[in-house]
Amino acid sequence: MRTMMIIVACLFGGMLFAQESNVEYFKKGDLVKGIFYYDNGVIQQEGTYKNGKLHGQWIAYDRDGKKNAVAYYHKGNKTGKWFFWQKDKLVEVDYNNNDIANVTTYKNETIFASEK
């Protein structure tokens, strides 16, 4: 489970640069908001940068526009609680100092598995 979550987290970060031609950037104070699109025009993911690094909340969507991940960054480092929706499960990954501290899987609002 932990290995799967590491792979998913790495893929989430790697997707940020996958389709440079389908991206828009907007200045918001000291942040830059990036919105990445699938080739069908649906938002793939959106979030903000600060000083060129991922910062704040990032949200990823599937090709139909359904939210499938929420992640948080602080100055380029993974932080806080990340959430991944997978079919009938919700996976919560807790980050501490850019490292995975805990992984909890919920099924039908009940803890299905927890790993530290």
PDB file of N, CA and C in Angstrom:
ATOM      1  N   MET A   1       0.830  -1.191   0.000  1.00  0.00           N
ATOM      2  CA  MET A   1       0.000   0.000   0.000  1.00  0.00           C
ATOM      3  C   MET A   1       0.870   1.248   0.000  1.00  0.00           C
ATOM      4  N   ARG A   2       1.858   1.293   0.868  1.00  0.00           N
ATOM      5  CA  ARG A   2       2.720   2.471   0.954  1.00  0.00           C
ATOM      6  C   ARG A   2       3.444   2.699  -0.372  1.00  0.00           C
ATOM      7  N   THR A   3       3.946   1.633  -0.995  1.00  0.00           N
ATOM      8  CA  THR A   3       4.625   1.770  -2.276  1.00  0.00           C
ATOM      9  C   THR A   3       3.676   2.325  -3.323  1.00  0.00           C
ATOM     10  N   MET A   4       2.432   1.844  -3.330  1.00  0.00           N
ATOM     11  CA  MET A   4       1.453   2.347  -4.286  1.00  0.00           C
ATOM     12  C   MET A   4       1.227   3.837  -4.088  1.00  0.00           C
ATOM     13  N   MET A   5       1.124   4.280  -2.842  1.00  0.00           N
ATOM     14  CA  MET A   5       0.870   5.692  -2.575  1.00  0.00           C
ATOM     15  C   MET A   5       2.058   6.552  -2.978  1.00  0.00           C
ATOM     16  N   ILE A   6       3.263   6.044  -2.803  1.00  0.00           N
ATOM     17  CA  ILE A   6       4.440   6.793  -3.234  1.00  0.00           C
ATOM     18  C   ILE A   6       4.413   6.956  -4.742  1.00  0.00           C
ATOM     19  N   ILE A   7       4.069   5.900  -5.447  1.00  0.00           N
ATOM     20  CA  ILE A   7       3.983   5.976  -6.907  1.00  0.00           C
ATOM     21  C   ILE A   7       2.911   6.962  -7.326  1.00  0.00           C
ATOM     22  N   VAL A   8       1.744   6.896  -6.696  1.00  0.00           N
ATOM     23  CA  VAL A   8       0.659   7.823  -7.026  1.00  0.00           C
ATOM     24  C   VAL A   8       1.088   9.256  -6.760  1.00  0.00           C
ATOM     25  N   ALA A   9       1.733   9.493  -5.623  1.00  0.00           N
ATOM     26  CA  ALA A   9       2.171  10.848  -5.282  1.00  0.00           C
ATOM     27  C   ALA A   9       3.197  11.357  -6.283  1.00  0.00           C
ATOM     28  N   CYS A  10       4.113  10.504  -6.698  1.00  0.00           N
ATOM     29  CA  CYS A  10       5.109  10.916  -7.692  1.00  0.00           C
ATOM     30  C   CYS A  10       4.449  11.201  -9.032  1.00  0.00           C
ATOM     31  N   LEU A  11       3.497  10.369  -9.412  1.00  0.00           N
ATOM     32  CA  LEU A  11       2.791  10.603 -10.667  1.00  0.00           C
ATOM     33  C   LEU A  11       2.015  11.904 -10.615  1.00  0.00           C
ATOM     34  N   PHE A  12       1.398  12.195  -9.466  1.00  0.00           N
ATOM     35  CA  PHE A  12       0.646  13.445  -9.317  1.00  0.00           C
ATOM     36  C   PHE A  12       1.567  14.626  -9.567  1.00  0.00           C
ATOM     37  N   GLY A  13       2.748  14.599  -8.973  1.00  0.00           N
ATOM     38  CA  GLY A  13       3.713  15.680  -9.181  1.00  0.00           C
ATOM     39  C   GLY A  13       4.222  15.716 -10.606  1.00  0.00           C
ATOM     40  N   GLY A  14       4.440  14.551 -11.209  1.00  0.00           N
ATOM     41  CA  GLY A  14       4.941  14.492 -12.571  1.00  0.00           C
ATOM     42  C   GLY A  14       3.945  14.964 -13.603  1.00  0.00           C
ATOM     43  N   MET A  15       2.656  14.827 -13.313  1.00  0.00           N
ATOM     44  CA  MET A  15       1.632  15.270 -14.256  1.00  0.00           C
ATOM     45  C   MET A  15       1.654  16.774 -14.444  1.00  0.00           C
ATOM     46  N   LEU A  16       2.228  17.483 -13.496  1.00  0.00           N
ATOM     47  CA  LEU A  16       2.228  18.942 -13.571  1.00  0.00           C
ATOM     48  C   LEU A  16       2.913  19.452 -14.830  1.00  0.00           C
ATOM     49  N   PHE A  17       3.819  18.658 -15.366  1.00  0.00           N
ATOM     50  CA  PHE A  17       4.580  19.116 -16.511  1.00  0.00           C
ATOM     51  C   PHE A  17       4.297  18.302 -17.766  1.00  0.00           C
ATOM     52  N   ALA A  18       3.272  17.492 -17.750  1.00  0.00           N
ATOM     53  CA  ALA A  18       3.005  16.555 -18.833  1.00  0.00           C
ATOM     54  C   ALA A  18       2.472  17.220 -20.092  1.00  0.00           C
ATOM     55  N   GLN A  19       1.671  18.264 -19.971  1.00  0.00           N
ATOM     56  CA  GLN A  19       1.037  18.847 -21.143  1.00  0.00           C
ATOM     57  C   GLN A  19       1.204  20.361 -21.127  1.00  0.00           C
ATOM     58  N   GLU A  20       2.426  20.812 -21.357  1.00  0.00           N
ATOM     59  CA  GLU A  20       2.714  22.240 -21.284  1.00  0.00           C
ATOM     60  C   GLU A  20       1.888  23.068 -22.261  1.00  0.00           C
ATOM     61  N   SER A  21       1.460  22.504 -23.391  1.00  0.00           N
ATOM     62  CA  SER A  21       0.710  23.297 -24.366  1.00  0.00           C
ATOM     63  C   SER A  21      -0.727  23.561 -23.918  1.00  0.00           C
ATOM     64  N   ASN A  22      -1.249  22.796 -22.970  1.00  0.00           N
ATOM     65  CA  ASN A  22      -2.614  22.961 -22.489  1.00  0.00           C
ATOM     66  C   ASN A  22      -2.619  23.493 -21.063  1.00  0.00           C
ATOM     67  N   VAL A  23      -1.998  24.640 -20.864  1.00  0.00           N
ATOM     68  CA  VAL A  23      -1.893  25.200 -19.520  1.00  0.00           C
ATOM     69  C   VAL A  23      -2.093  26.710 -19.568  1.00  0.00           C
ATOM     70  N   GLU A  24      -2.692  27.231 -18.503  1.00  0.00           N
ATOM     71  CA  GLU A  24      -2.857  28.676 -18.354  1.00  0.00           C
ATOM     72  C   GLU A  24      -2.271  29.077 -17.007  1.00  0.00           C
ATOM     73  N   TYR A  25      -1.687  30.264 -16.967  1.00  0.00           N
ATOM     74  CA  TYR A  25      -1.146  30.799 -15.723  1.00  0.00           C
ATOM     75  C   TYR A  25      -1.774  32.151 -15.442  1.00  0.00           C
ATOM     76  N   PHE A  26      -2.083  32.406 -14.165  1.00  0.00           N
ATOM     77  CA  PHE A  26      -2.668  33.673 -13.745  1.00  0.00           C
ATOM     78  C   PHE A  26      -1.951  34.147 -12.491  1.00  0.00           C
ATOM     79  N   LYS A  27      -1.618  35.413 -12.446  1.00  0.00           N
ATOM     80  CA  LYS A  27      -0.987  36.002 -11.255  1.00  0.00           C
ATOM     81  C   LYS A  27      -2.062  36.310 -10.223  1.00  0.00           C
ATOM     82  N   LYS A  28      -1.840  35.867  -8.974  1.00  0.00           N
ATOM     83  CA  LYS A  28      -2.763  36.126  -7.860  1.00  0.00           C
ATOM     84  C   LYS A  28      -1.933  36.615  -6.677  1.00  0.00           C
ATOM     85  N   GLY A  29      -1.695  37.921  -6.587  1.00  0.00           N
ATOM     86  CA  GLY A  29      -0.849  38.455  -5.524  1.00  0.00           C
ATOM     87  C   GLY A  29       0.567  37.956  -5.692  1.00  0.00           C
ATOM     88  N   ASP A  30       1.118  37.315  -4.650  1.00  0.00           N
ATOM     89  CA  ASP A  30       2.477  36.777  -4.757  1.00  0.00           C
ATOM     90  C   ASP A  30       2.486  35.328  -5.256  1.00  0.00           C
ATOM     91  N   LEU A  31       1.322  34.815  -5.657  1.00  0.00           N
ATOM     92  CA  LEU A  31       1.203  33.455  -6.184  1.00  0.00           C
ATOM     93  C   LEU A  31       0.907  33.477  -7.675  1.00  0.00           C
ATOM     94  N   VAL A  32       1.230  32.377  -8.343  1.00  0.00           N
ATOM     95  CA  VAL A  32       0.845  32.171  -9.740  1.00  0.00           C
ATOM     96  C   VAL A  32      -0.016  30.921  -9.771  1.00  0.00           C
ATOM     97  N   LYS A  33      -1.240  31.051 -10.288  1.00  0.00           N
ATOM     98  CA  LYS A  33      -2.137  29.900 -10.392  1.00  0.00           C
ATOM     99  C   LYS A  33      -1.923  29.238 -11.744  1.00  0.00           C
ATOM    100  N   GLY A  34      -1.767  27.921 -11.726  1.00  0.00           N
ATOM    101  CA  GLY A  34      -1.639  27.144 -12.948  1.00  0.00           C
ATOM    102  C   GLY A  34      -2.853  26.252 -13.118  1.00  0.00           C
ATOM    103  N   ILE A  35      -3.403  26.242 -14.329  1.00  0.00           N
ATOM    104  CA  ILE A  35      -4.519  25.349 -14.647  1.00  0.00           C
ATOM    105  C   ILE A  35      -4.102  24.524 -15.856  1.00  0.00           C
ATOM    106  N   PHE A  36      -4.068  23.213 -15.691  1.00  0.00           N
ATOM    107  CA  PHE A  36      -3.660  22.285 -16.741  1.00  0.00           C
ATOM    108  C   PHE A  36      -4.899  21.579 -17.269  1.00  0.00           C
ATOM    109  N   TYR A  37      -4.970  21.410 -18.593  1.00  0.00           N
ATOM    110  CA  TYR A  37      -6.159  20.850 -19.235  1.00  0.00           C
ATOM    111  C   TYR A  37      -5.829  19.565 -19.987  1.00  0.00           C
ATOM    112  N   TYR A  38      -6.787  18.640 -19.987  1.00  0.00           N
ATOM    113  CA  TYR A  38      -6.718  17.489 -20.885  1.00  0.00           C
ATOM    114  C   TYR A  38      -6.973  17.987 -22.301  1.00  0.00           C
ATOM    115  N   ASP A  39      -6.685  17.154 -23.282  1.00  0.00           N
ATOM    116  CA  ASP A  39      -6.923  17.551 -24.673  1.00  0.00           C
ATOM    117  C   ASP A  39      -8.408  17.718 -24.991  1.00  0.00           C
ATOM    118  N   ASN A  40      -9.299  17.224 -24.119  1.00  0.00           N
ATOM    119  CA  ASN A  40     -10.738  17.408 -24.337  1.00  0.00           C
ATOM    120  C   ASN A  40     -11.259  18.698 -23.698  1.00  0.00           C
ATOM    121  N   GLY A  41     -10.352  19.507 -23.112  1.00  0.00           N
ATOM    122  CA  GLY A  41     -10.732  20.783 -22.526  1.00  0.00           C
ATOM    123  C   GLY A  41     -11.087  20.739 -21.052  1.00  0.00           C
ATOM    124  N   VAL A  42     -11.178  19.544 -20.474  1.00  0.00           N
ATOM    125  CA  VAL A  42     -11.497  19.392 -19.050  1.00  0.00           C
ATOM    126  C   VAL A  42     -10.234  19.673 -18.229  1.00  0.00           C
ATOM    127  N   ILE A  43     -10.411  20.320 -17.082  1.00  0.00           N
ATOM    128  CA  ILE A  43      -9.266  20.612 -16.220  1.00  0.00           C
ATOM    129  C   ILE A  43      -8.663  19.308 -15.704  1.00  0.00           C
ATOM    130  N   GLN A  44      -7.351  19.177 -15.867  1.00  0.00           N
ATOM    131  CA  GLN A  44      -6.615  18.018 -15.372  1.00  0.00           C
ATOM    132  C   GLN A  44      -6.179  18.253 -13.929  1.00  0.00           C
ATOM    133  N   GLN A  45      -5.611  19.436 -13.678  1.00  0.00           N
ATOM    134  CA  GLN A  45      -5.278  19.819 -12.320  1.00  0.00           C
ATOM    135  C   GLN A  45      -5.062  21.312 -12.234  1.00  0.00           C
ATOM    136  N   GLU A  46      -5.167  21.820 -11.007  1.00  0.00           N
ATOM    137  CA  GLU A  46      -5.003  23.249 -10.787  1.00  0.00           C
ATOM    138  C   GLU A  46      -4.398  23.477  -9.414  1.00  0.00           C
ATOM    139  N   GLY A  47      -3.590  24.513  -9.334  1.00  0.00           N
ATOM    140  CA  GLY A  47      -2.965  24.849  -8.067  1.00  0.00           C
ATOM    141  C   GLY A  47      -2.090  26.071  -8.226  1.00  0.00           C
ATOM    142  N   THR A  48      -1.343  26.395  -7.178  1.00  0.00           N
ATOM    143  CA  THR A  48      -0.556  27.620  -7.190  1.00  0.00           C
ATOM    144  C   THR A  48       0.927  27.354  -6.962  1.00  0.00           C
ATOM    145  N   TYR A  49       1.711  28.319  -7.435  1.00  0.00           N
ATOM    146  CA  TYR A  49       3.156  28.341  -7.264  1.00  0.00           C
ATOM    147  C   TYR A  49       3.529  29.590  -6.480  1.00  0.00           C
ATOM    148  N   LYS A  50       4.607  29.493  -5.730  1.00  0.00           N
ATOM    149  CA  LYS A  50       5.177  30.664  -5.066  1.00  0.00           C
ATOM    150  C   LYS A  50       6.685  30.602  -5.278  1.00  0.00           C
ATOM    151  N   ASN A  51       7.229  31.660  -5.843  1.00  0.00           N
ATOM    152  CA  ASN A  51       8.661  31.704  -6.165  1.00  0.00           C
ATOM    153  C   ASN A  51       9.085  30.496  -7.006  1.00  0.00           C
ATOM    154  N   GLY A  52       8.229  30.097  -7.949  1.00  0.00           N
ATOM    155  CA  GLY A  52       8.540  29.002  -8.859  1.00  0.00           C
ATOM    156  C   GLY A  52       8.375  27.607  -8.275  1.00  0.00           C
ATOM    157  N   LYS A  53       7.903  27.503  -7.034  1.00  0.00           N
ATOM    158  CA  LYS A  53       7.720  26.192  -6.397  1.00  0.00           C
ATOM    159  C   LYS A  53       6.243  25.950  -6.118  1.00  0.00           C
ATOM    160  N   LEU A  54       5.847  24.676  -6.143  1.00  0.00           N
ATOM    161  CA  LEU A  54       4.473  24.323  -5.796  1.00  0.00           C
ATOM    162  C   LEU A  54       4.183  24.816  -4.388  1.00  0.00           C
ATOM    163  N   HIS A  55       3.021  25.461  -4.226  1.00  0.00           N
ATOM    164  CA  HIS A  55       2.705  26.030  -2.917  1.00  0.00           C
ATOM    165  C   HIS A  55       1.189  26.109  -2.763  1.00  0.00           C
ATOM    166  N   GLY A  56       0.682  25.569  -1.673  1.00  0.00           N
ATOM    167  CA  GLY A  56      -0.756  25.602  -1.435  1.00  0.00           C
ATOM    168  C   GLY A  56      -1.443  24.353  -1.952  1.00  0.00           C
ATOM    169  N   GLN A  57      -2.749  24.481  -2.147  1.00  0.00           N
ATOM    170  CA  GLN A  57      -3.574  23.336  -2.541  1.00  0.00           C
ATOM    171  C   GLN A  57      -3.487  23.075  -4.046  1.00  0.00           C
ATOM    172  N   TRP A  58      -3.375  21.792  -4.394  1.00  0.00           N
ATOM    173  CA  TRP A  58      -3.456  21.330  -5.778  1.00  0.00           C
ATOM    174  C   TRP A  58      -4.584  20.312  -5.849  1.00  0.00           C
ATOM    175  N   ILE A  59      -5.394  20.422  -6.899  1.00  0.00           N
ATOM    176  CA  ILE A  59      -6.509  19.495  -7.093  1.00  0.00           C
ATOM    177  C   ILE A  59      -6.361  18.855  -8.467  1.00  0.00           C
ATOM    178  N   ALA A  60      -6.521  17.532  -8.529  1.00  0.00           N
ATOM    179  CA  ALA A  60      -6.460  16.795  -9.793  1.00  0.00           C
ATOM    180  C   ALA A  60      -7.832  16.202 -10.095  1.00  0.00           C
ATOM    181  N   TYR A  61      -8.132  16.110 -11.388  1.00  0.00           N
ATOM    182  CA  TYR A  61      -9.425  15.607 -11.855  1.00  0.00           C
ATOM    183  C   TYR A  61      -9.197  14.530 -12.906  1.00  0.00           C
ATOM    184  N   ASP A  62     -10.179  13.635 -13.049  1.00  0.00           N
ATOM    185  CA  ASP A  62     -10.092  12.660 -14.135  1.00  0.00           C
ATOM    186  C   ASP A  62     -10.584  13.308 -15.431  1.00  0.00           C
ATOM    187  N   ARG A  63     -10.554  12.572 -16.525  1.00  0.00           N
ATOM    188  CA  ARG A  63     -10.909  13.128 -17.842  1.00  0.00           C
ATOM    189  C   ARG A  63     -12.369  13.563 -17.940  1.00  0.00           C
ATOM    190  N   ASP A  64     -13.202  13.087 -16.996  1.00  0.00           N
ATOM    191  CA  ASP A  64     -14.610  13.489 -16.985  1.00  0.00           C
ATOM    192  C   ASP A  64     -14.865  14.668 -16.047  1.00  0.00           C
ATOM    193  N   GLY A  65     -13.816  15.178 -15.410  1.00  0.00           N
ATOM    194  CA  GLY A  65     -13.950  16.326 -14.526  1.00  0.00           C
ATOM    195  C   GLY A  65     -14.236  15.986 -13.076  1.00  0.00           C
ATOM    196  N   LYS A  66     -14.192  14.699 -12.732  1.00  0.00           N
ATOM    197  CA  LYS A  66     -14.439  14.288 -11.347  1.00  0.00           C
ATOM    198  C   LYS A  66     -13.135  14.390 -10.548  1.00  0.00           C
ATOM    199  N   LYS A  67     -13.202  15.033  -9.387  1.00  0.00           N
ATOM    200  CA  LYS A  67     -12.019  15.211  -8.538  1.00  0.00           C
ATOM    201  C   LYS A  67     -11.504  13.851  -8.094  1.00  0.00           C
ATOM    202  N   ASN A  68     -10.178  13.621  -8.257  1.00  0.00           N
ATOM    203  CA  ASN A  68      -9.617  12.359  -7.813  1.00  0.00           C
ATOM    204  C   ASN A  68      -8.423  12.506  -6.873  1.00  0.00           C
ATOM    205  N   ALA A  69      -7.961  13.745  -6.640  1.00  0.00           N
ATOM    206  CA  ALA A  69      -6.862  13.948  -5.696  1.00  0.00           C
ATOM    207  C   ALA A  69      -6.830  15.391  -5.216  1.00  0.00           C
ATOM    208  N   VAL A  70      -6.464  15.555  -3.956  1.00  0.00           N
ATOM    209  CA  VAL A  70      -6.217  16.880  -3.378  1.00  0.00           C
ATOM    210  C   VAL A  70      -4.890  16.774  -2.642  1.00  0.00           C
ATOM    211  N   ALA A  71      -3.992  17.708  -2.932  1.00  0.00           N
ATOM    212  CA  ALA A  71      -2.656  17.683  -2.342  1.00  0.00           C
ATOM    213  C   ALA A  71      -2.289  19.070  -1.838  1.00  0.00           C
ATOM    214  N   TYR A  72      -1.330  19.107  -0.927  1.00  0.00           N
ATOM    215  CA  TYR A  72      -0.869  20.383  -0.373  1.00  0.00           C
ATOM    216  C   TYR A  72       0.651  20.449  -0.405  1.00  0.00           C
ATOM    217  N   TYR A  73       1.150  21.611  -0.792  1.00  0.00           N
ATOM    218  CA  TYR A  73       2.583  21.864  -0.831  1.00  0.00           C
ATOM    219  C   TYR A  73       2.898  23.117  -0.032  1.00  0.00           C
ATOM    220  N   HIS A  74       4.102  23.150   0.524  1.00  0.00           N
ATOM    221  CA  HIS A  74       4.611  24.353   1.175  1.00  0.00           C
ATOM    222  C   HIS A  74       6.032  24.575   0.666  1.00  0.00           C
ATOM    223  N   LYS A  75       6.186  25.615  -0.147  1.00  0.00           N
ATOM    224  CA  LYS A  75       7.494  25.951  -0.733  1.00  0.00           C
ATOM    225  C   LYS A  75       8.108  24.752  -1.450  1.00  0.00           C
ATOM    226  N   GLY A  76       7.290  24.014  -2.193  1.00  0.00           N
ATOM    227  CA  GLY A  76       7.769  22.886  -2.985  1.00  0.00           C
ATOM    228  C   GLY A  76       7.784  21.554  -2.267  1.00  0.00           C
ATOM    229  N   ASN A  77       7.528  21.539  -0.970  1.00  0.00           N
ATOM    230  CA  ASN A  77       7.533  20.298  -0.198  1.00  0.00           C
ATOM    231  C   ASN A  77       6.117  19.796   0.053  1.00  0.00           C
ATOM    232  N   LYS A  78       5.960  18.480   0.006  1.00  0.00           N
ATOM    233  CA  LYS A  78       4.668  17.864   0.304  1.00  0.00           C
ATOM    234  C   LYS A  78       4.387  18.033   1.788  1.00  0.00           C
ATOM    235  N   THR A  79       3.149  18.427   2.105  1.00  0.00           N
ATOM    236  CA  THR A  79       2.811  18.678   3.500  1.00  0.00           C
ATOM    237  C   THR A  79       1.349  18.353   3.770  1.00  0.00           C
ATOM    238  N   GLY A  80       1.040  18.090   5.017  1.00  0.00           N
ATOM    239  CA  GLY A  80      -0.344  17.907   5.428  1.00  0.00           C
ATOM    240  C   GLY A  80      -1.002  16.652   4.890  1.00  0.00           C
ATOM    241  N   LYS A  81      -2.318  16.709   4.827  1.00  0.00           N
ATOM    242  CA  LYS A  81      -3.121  15.561   4.394  1.00  0.00           C
ATOM    243  C   LYS A  81      -3.405  15.640   2.898  1.00  0.00           C
ATOM    244  N   TRP A  82      -3.079  14.573   2.198  1.00  0.00           N
ATOM    245  CA  TRP A  82      -3.405  14.423   0.784  1.00  0.00           C
ATOM    246  C   TRP A  82      -4.525  13.394   0.702  1.00  0.00           C
ATOM    247  N   PHE A  83      -5.409  13.579  -0.272  1.00  0.00           N
ATOM    248  CA  PHE A  83      -6.542  12.669  -0.436  1.00  0.00           C
ATOM    249  C   PHE A  83      -6.598  12.165  -1.872  1.00  0.00           C
ATOM    250  N   PHE A  84      -6.828  10.850  -2.018  1.00  0.00           N
ATOM    251  CA  PHE A  84      -6.958  10.212  -3.326  1.00  0.00           C
ATOM    252  C   PHE A  84      -8.250   9.401  -3.330  1.00  0.00           C
ATOM    253  N   TRP A  85      -9.121   9.672  -4.287  1.00  0.00           N
ATOM    254  CA  TRP A  85     -10.360   8.916  -4.430  1.00  0.00           C
ATOM    255  C   TRP A  85     -10.123   7.835  -5.461  1.00  0.00           C
ATOM    256  N   GLN A  86     -10.370   6.578  -5.071  1.00  0.00           N
ATOM    257  CA  GLN A  86     -10.163   5.430  -5.948  1.00  0.00           C
ATOM    258  C   GLN A  86     -11.398   4.545  -5.894  1.00  0.00           C
ATOM    259  N   LYS A  87     -12.213   4.607  -6.918  1.00  0.00           N
ATOM    260  CA  LYS A  87     -13.460   3.842  -6.989  1.00  0.00           C
ATOM    261  C   LYS A  87     -14.268   4.028  -5.713  1.00  0.00           C
ATOM    262  N   ASP A  88     -14.373   2.990  -4.869  1.00  0.00           N
ATOM    263  CA  ASP A  88     -15.188   3.088  -3.654  1.00  0.00           C
ATOM    264  C   ASP A  88     -14.356   3.353  -2.404  1.00  0.00           C
ATOM    265  N   LYS A  89     -13.101   3.785  -2.581  1.00  0.00           N
ATOM    266  CA  LYS A  89     -12.213   4.030  -1.446  1.00  0.00           C
ATOM    267  C   LYS A  89     -11.700   5.466  -1.449  1.00  0.00           C
ATOM    268  N   LEU A  90     -11.372   5.932  -0.266  1.00  0.00           N
ATOM    269  CA  LEU A  90     -10.687   7.203  -0.078  1.00  0.00           C
ATOM    270  C   LEU A  90      -9.379   6.890   0.629  1.00  0.00           C
ATOM    271  N   VAL A  91      -8.269   7.325   0.042  1.00  0.00           N
ATOM    272  CA  VAL A  91      -6.964   7.107   0.652  1.00  0.00           C
ATOM    273  C   VAL A  91      -6.443   8.452   1.149  1.00  0.00           C
ATOM    274  N   GLU A  92      -6.095   8.500   2.422  1.00  0.00           N
ATOM    275  CA  GLU A  92      -5.542   9.707   3.040  1.00  0.00           C
ATOM    276  C   GLU A  92      -4.061   9.457   3.319  1.00  0.00           C
ATOM    277  N   VAL A  93      -3.211  10.317   2.792  1.00  0.00           N
ATOM    278  CA  VAL A  93      -1.774  10.212   3.014  1.00  0.00           C
ATOM    279  C   VAL A  93      -1.344  11.443   3.804  1.00  0.00           C
ATOM    280  N   ASP A  94      -0.753  11.223   4.964  1.00  0.00           N
ATOM    281  CA  ASP A  94      -0.275  12.325   5.801  1.00  0.00           C
ATOM    282  C   ASP A  94       1.217  12.518   5.564  1.00  0.00           C
ATOM    283  N   TYR A  95       1.586  13.749   5.214  1.00  0.00           N
ATOM    284  CA  TYR A  95       2.989  14.085   5.002  1.00  0.00           C
ATOM    285  C   TYR A  95       3.511  14.912   6.160  1.00  0.00           C
ATOM    286  N   ASN A  96       4.754  14.643   6.545  1.00  0.00           N
ATOM    287  CA  ASN A  96       5.454  15.406   7.562  1.00  0.00           C
ATOM    288  C   ASN A  96       6.875  15.631   7.051  1.00  0.00           C
ATOM    289  N   ASN A  97       7.258  16.878   6.875  1.00  0.00           N
ATOM    290  CA  ASN A  97       8.587  17.213   6.352  1.00  0.00           C
ATOM    291  C   ASN A  97       8.882  16.507   5.031  1.00  0.00           C
ATOM    292  N   ASN A  98       7.909  16.493   4.128  1.00  0.00           N
ATOM    293  CA  ASN A  98       8.055  15.930   2.783  1.00  0.00           C
ATOM    294  C   ASN A  98       8.124  14.401   2.769  1.00  0.00           C
ATOM    295  N   ASP A  99       7.900  13.747   3.901  1.00  0.00           N
ATOM    296  CA  ASP A  99       7.916  12.286   3.985  1.00  0.00           C
ATOM    297  C   ASP A  99       6.536  11.772   4.381  1.00  0.00           C
ATOM    298  N   ILE A 100       6.206  10.574   3.921  1.00  0.00           N
ATOM    299  CA  ILE A 100       4.934   9.961   4.300  1.00  0.00           C
ATOM    300  C   ILE A 100       5.003   9.542   5.765  1.00  0.00           C
ATOM    301  N   ALA A 101       4.070  10.070   6.566  1.00  0.00           N
ATOM    302  CA  ALA A 101       4.005   9.731   7.988  1.00  0.00           C
ATOM    303  C   ALA A 101       2.968   8.652   8.255  1.00  0.00           C
ATOM    304  N   ASN A 102       1.890   8.640   7.456  1.00  0.00           N
ATOM    305  CA  ASN A 102       0.807   7.689   7.687  1.00  0.00           C
ATOM    306  C   ASN A 102      -0.046   7.581   6.428  1.00  0.00           C
ATOM    307  N   VAL A 103      -0.575   6.400   6.181  1.00  0.00           N
ATOM    308  CA  VAL A 103      -1.512   6.171   5.077  1.00  0.00           C
ATOM    309  C   VAL A 103      -2.738   5.481   5.661  1.00  0.00           C
ATOM    310  N   THR A 104      -3.915   6.062   5.423  1.00  0.00           N
ATOM    311  CA  THR A 104      -5.163   5.478   5.906  1.00  0.00           C
ATOM    312  C   THR A 104      -6.110   5.314   4.727  1.00  0.00           C
ATOM    313  N   THR A 105      -6.706   4.142   4.613  1.00  0.00           N
ATOM    314  CA  THR A 105      -7.664   3.871   3.548  1.00  0.00           C
ATOM    315  C   THR A 105      -9.050   3.713   4.162  1.00  0.00           C
ATOM    316  N   TYR A 106     -10.009   4.462   3.631  1.00  0.00           N
ATOM    317  CA  TYR A 106     -11.396   4.405   4.099  1.00  0.00           C
ATOM    318  C   TYR A 106     -12.258   3.746   3.027  1.00  0.00           C
ATOM    319  N   LYS A 107     -13.170   2.905   3.466  1.00  0.00           N
ATOM    320  CA  LYS A 107     -14.140   2.284   2.571  1.00  0.00           C
ATOM    321  C   LYS A 107     -15.477   2.361   3.279  1.00  0.00           C
ATOM    322  N   ASN A 108     -16.467   2.960   2.616  1.00  0.00           N
ATOM    323  CA  ASN A 108     -17.783   3.153   3.235  1.00  0.00           C
ATOM    324  C   ASN A 108     -17.668   3.900   4.565  1.00  0.00           C
ATOM    325  N   GLU A 109     -16.845   4.934   4.579  1.00  0.00           N
ATOM    326  CA  GLU A 109     -16.628   5.809   5.738  1.00  0.00           C
ATOM    327  C   GLU A 109     -16.043   5.088   6.947  1.00  0.00           C
ATOM    328  N   THR A 110     -15.464   3.910   6.741  1.00  0.00           N
ATOM    329  CA  THR A 110     -14.845   3.142   7.806  1.00  0.00           C
ATOM    330  C   THR A 110     -13.378   2.932   7.458  1.00  0.00           C
ATOM    331  N   ILE A 111     -12.508   2.975   8.466  1.00  0.00           N
ATOM    332  CA  ILE A 111     -11.092   2.728   8.194  1.00  0.00           C
ATOM    333  C   ILE A 111     -10.939   1.294   7.716  1.00  0.00           C
ATOM    334  N   PHE A 112     -10.394   1.155   6.523  1.00  0.00           N
ATOM    335  CA  PHE A 112     -10.197  -0.138   5.885  1.00  0.00           C
ATOM    336  C   PHE A 112      -8.790  -0.650   6.180  1.00  0.00           C
ATOM    337  N   ALA A 113      -7.805   0.257   6.156  1.00  0.00           N
ATOM    338  CA  ALA A 113      -6.415  -0.099   6.435  1.00  0.00           C
ATOM    339  C   ALA A 113      -5.679   1.157   6.865  1.00  0.00           C
ATOM    340  N   SER A 114      -4.745   0.988   7.776  1.00  0.00           N
ATOM    341  CA  SER A 114      -3.937   2.113   8.233  1.00  0.00           C
ATOM    342  C   SER A 114      -2.508   1.637   8.374  1.00  0.00           C
ATOM    343  N   GLU A 115      -1.574   2.458   7.884  1.00  0.00           N
ATOM    344  CA  GLU A 115      -0.175   2.067   7.876  1.00  0.00           C
ATOM    345  C   GLU A 115       0.684   3.249   8.262  1.00  0.00           C
ATOM    346  N   LYS A 116       1.606   3.045   9.170  1.00  0.00           N
ATOM    347  CA  LYS A 116       2.549   4.102   9.565  1.00  0.00           C
ATOM    348  C   LYS A 116       3.928   3.739   9.128  1.00  0.00           C
TER     349      LYS A 116
END
